Amino acid sequence: MNSAVIAVTIGMIVFWTVLMLIAAFLDRRRGRQIEHDLTEMEREYHLDGRDRYGSFDHRPRSHR
């Protein structure tokens, strides 16, 4: 009984570790793809990248 509990616990730890490593790898690939897409958009629309991450933080101007 004790060895079964230990085996299940170790199996769960190994499974969780493998799952987290796969998730981290996929997240890194997705981050690189987003970075690549942003660079392509900057090149296509002749942007300099200054407001790459902050453009949505500014309040819109009110039109009078």
C-alpha atoms as a PDB file:
ATOM      1  CA  MET A   1       0.000   0.000   0.000  1.00  0.00           C
ATOM      2  CA  ASN A   2       2.729   2.470   0.962  1.00  0.00           C
ATOM      3  CA  SER A   3       4.754   1.730  -2.162  1.00  0.00           C
ATOM      4  CA  ALA A   4       1.659   2.299  -4.318  1.00  0.00           C
ATOM      5  CA  VAL A   5       1.072   5.720  -2.750  1.00  0.00           C
ATOM      6  CA  ILE A   6       4.725   6.657  -3.249  1.00  0.00           C
ATOM      7  CA  ALA A   7       4.653   5.450  -6.871  1.00  0.00           C
ATOM      8  CA  VAL A   8       1.476   7.417  -7.627  1.00  0.00           C
ATOM      9  CA  THR A   9       2.921  10.547  -5.986  1.00  0.00           C
ATOM     10  CA  ILE A  10       6.168  10.297  -7.948  1.00  0.00           C
ATOM     11  CA  GLY A  11       4.205   9.628 -11.136  1.00  0.00           C
ATOM     12  CA  MET A  12       2.080  12.724 -10.579  1.00  0.00           C
ATOM     13  CA  ILE A  13       5.169  14.857  -9.932  1.00  0.00           C
ATOM     14  CA  VAL A  14       6.856  13.587 -13.112  1.00  0.00           C
ATOM     15  CA  PHE A  15       3.672  14.095 -15.153  1.00  0.00           C
ATOM     16  CA  TRP A  16       3.223  17.657 -13.815  1.00  0.00           C
ATOM     17  CA  THR A  17       6.878  18.500 -14.517  1.00  0.00           C
ATOM     18  CA  VAL A  18       6.663  17.244 -18.111  1.00  0.00           C
ATOM     19  CA  LEU A  19       3.393  19.125 -18.608  1.00  0.00           C
ATOM     20  CA  MET A  20       4.941  22.384 -17.333  1.00  0.00           C
ATOM     21  CA  LEU A  21       8.014  21.954 -19.550  1.00  0.00           C
ATOM     22  CA  ILE A  22       5.814  21.462 -22.615  1.00  0.00           C
ATOM     23  CA  ALA A  23       3.715  24.516 -21.688  1.00  0.00           C
ATOM     24  CA  ALA A  24       6.840  26.657 -21.195  1.00  0.00           C
ATOM     25  CA  PHE A  25       8.236  25.545 -24.572  1.00  0.00           C
ATOM     26  CA  LEU A  26       4.983  26.338 -26.390  1.00  0.00           C
ATOM     27  CA  ASP A  27       4.704  29.716 -24.635  1.00  0.00           C
ATOM     28  CA  ARG A  28       8.243  30.610 -25.695  1.00  0.00           C
ATOM     29  CA  ARG A  29       7.475  29.711 -29.322  1.00  0.00           C
ATOM     30  CA  ARG A  30       4.295  31.795 -29.194  1.00  0.00           C
ATOM     31  CA  GLY A  31       6.230  34.747 -27.747  1.00  0.00           C
ATOM     32  CA  ARG A  32       8.760  34.553 -30.547  1.00  0.00           C
ATOM     33  CA  GLN A  33       5.964  34.425 -33.123  1.00  0.00           C
ATOM     34  CA  ILE A  34       4.311  37.528 -31.625  1.00  0.00           C
ATOM     35  CA  GLU A  35       7.663  39.354 -31.619  1.00  0.00           C
ATOM     36  CA  HIS A  36       8.219  38.360 -35.252  1.00  0.00           C
ATOM     37  CA  ASP A  37       4.735  39.535 -36.244  1.00  0.00           C
ATOM     38  CA  LEU A  38       5.261  42.893 -34.528  1.00  0.00           C
ATOM     39  CA  THR A  39       8.572  43.354 -36.328  1.00  0.00           C
ATOM     40  CA  GLU A  40       6.936  42.565 -39.667  1.00  0.00           C
ATOM     41  CA  MET A  41       4.136  45.061 -38.985  1.00  0.00           C
ATOM     42  CA  GLU A  42       6.683  47.746 -38.063  1.00  0.00           C
ATOM     43  CA  ARG A  43       8.535  47.108 -41.299  1.00  0.00           C
ATOM     44  CA  GLU A  44       5.358  47.059 -43.390  1.00  0.00           C
ATOM     45  CA  TYR A  45       3.858  50.233 -41.924  1.00  0.00           C
ATOM     46  CA  HIS A  46       7.194  52.046 -41.384  1.00  0.00           C
ATOM     47  CA  LEU A  47       6.836  52.252 -37.608  1.00  0.00           C
ATOM     48  CA  ASP A  48       9.808  52.774 -35.328  1.00  0.00           C
ATOM     49  CA  GLY A  49       8.555  50.649 -32.408  1.00  0.00           C
ATOM     50  CA  ARG A  50       8.522  53.403 -29.783  1.00  0.00           C
ATOM     51  CA  ASP A  51       4.918  52.745 -28.786  1.00  0.00           C
ATOM     52  CA  ARG A  52       5.035  49.004 -29.412  1.00  0.00           C
ATOM     53  CA  TYR A  53       3.668  48.069 -25.989  1.00  0.00           C
ATOM     54  CA  GLY A  54       2.078  51.290 -24.749  1.00  0.00           C
ATOM     55  CA  SER A  55      -0.162  52.457 -27.548  1.00  0.00           C
ATOM     56  CA  PHE A  56      -3.310  51.141 -25.870  1.00  0.00           C
ATOM     57  CA  ASP A  57      -2.544  52.903 -22.581  1.00  0.00           C
ATOM     58  CA  HIS A  58      -3.213  56.377 -23.948  1.00  0.00           C
ATOM     59  CA  ARG A  59      -6.671  57.867 -23.629  1.00  0.00           C
ATOM     60  CA  PRO A  60      -8.307  58.641 -26.962  1.00  0.00           C
ATOM     61  CA  ARG A  61      -8.453  62.285 -27.966  1.00  0.00           C
ATOM     62  CA  SER A  62     -11.877  63.867 -27.813  1.00  0.00           C
ATOM     63  CA  HIS A  63     -13.032  65.290 -31.115  1.00  0.00           C
ATOM     64  CA  ARG A  64     -14.738  68.679 -30.918  1.00  0.00           C
END
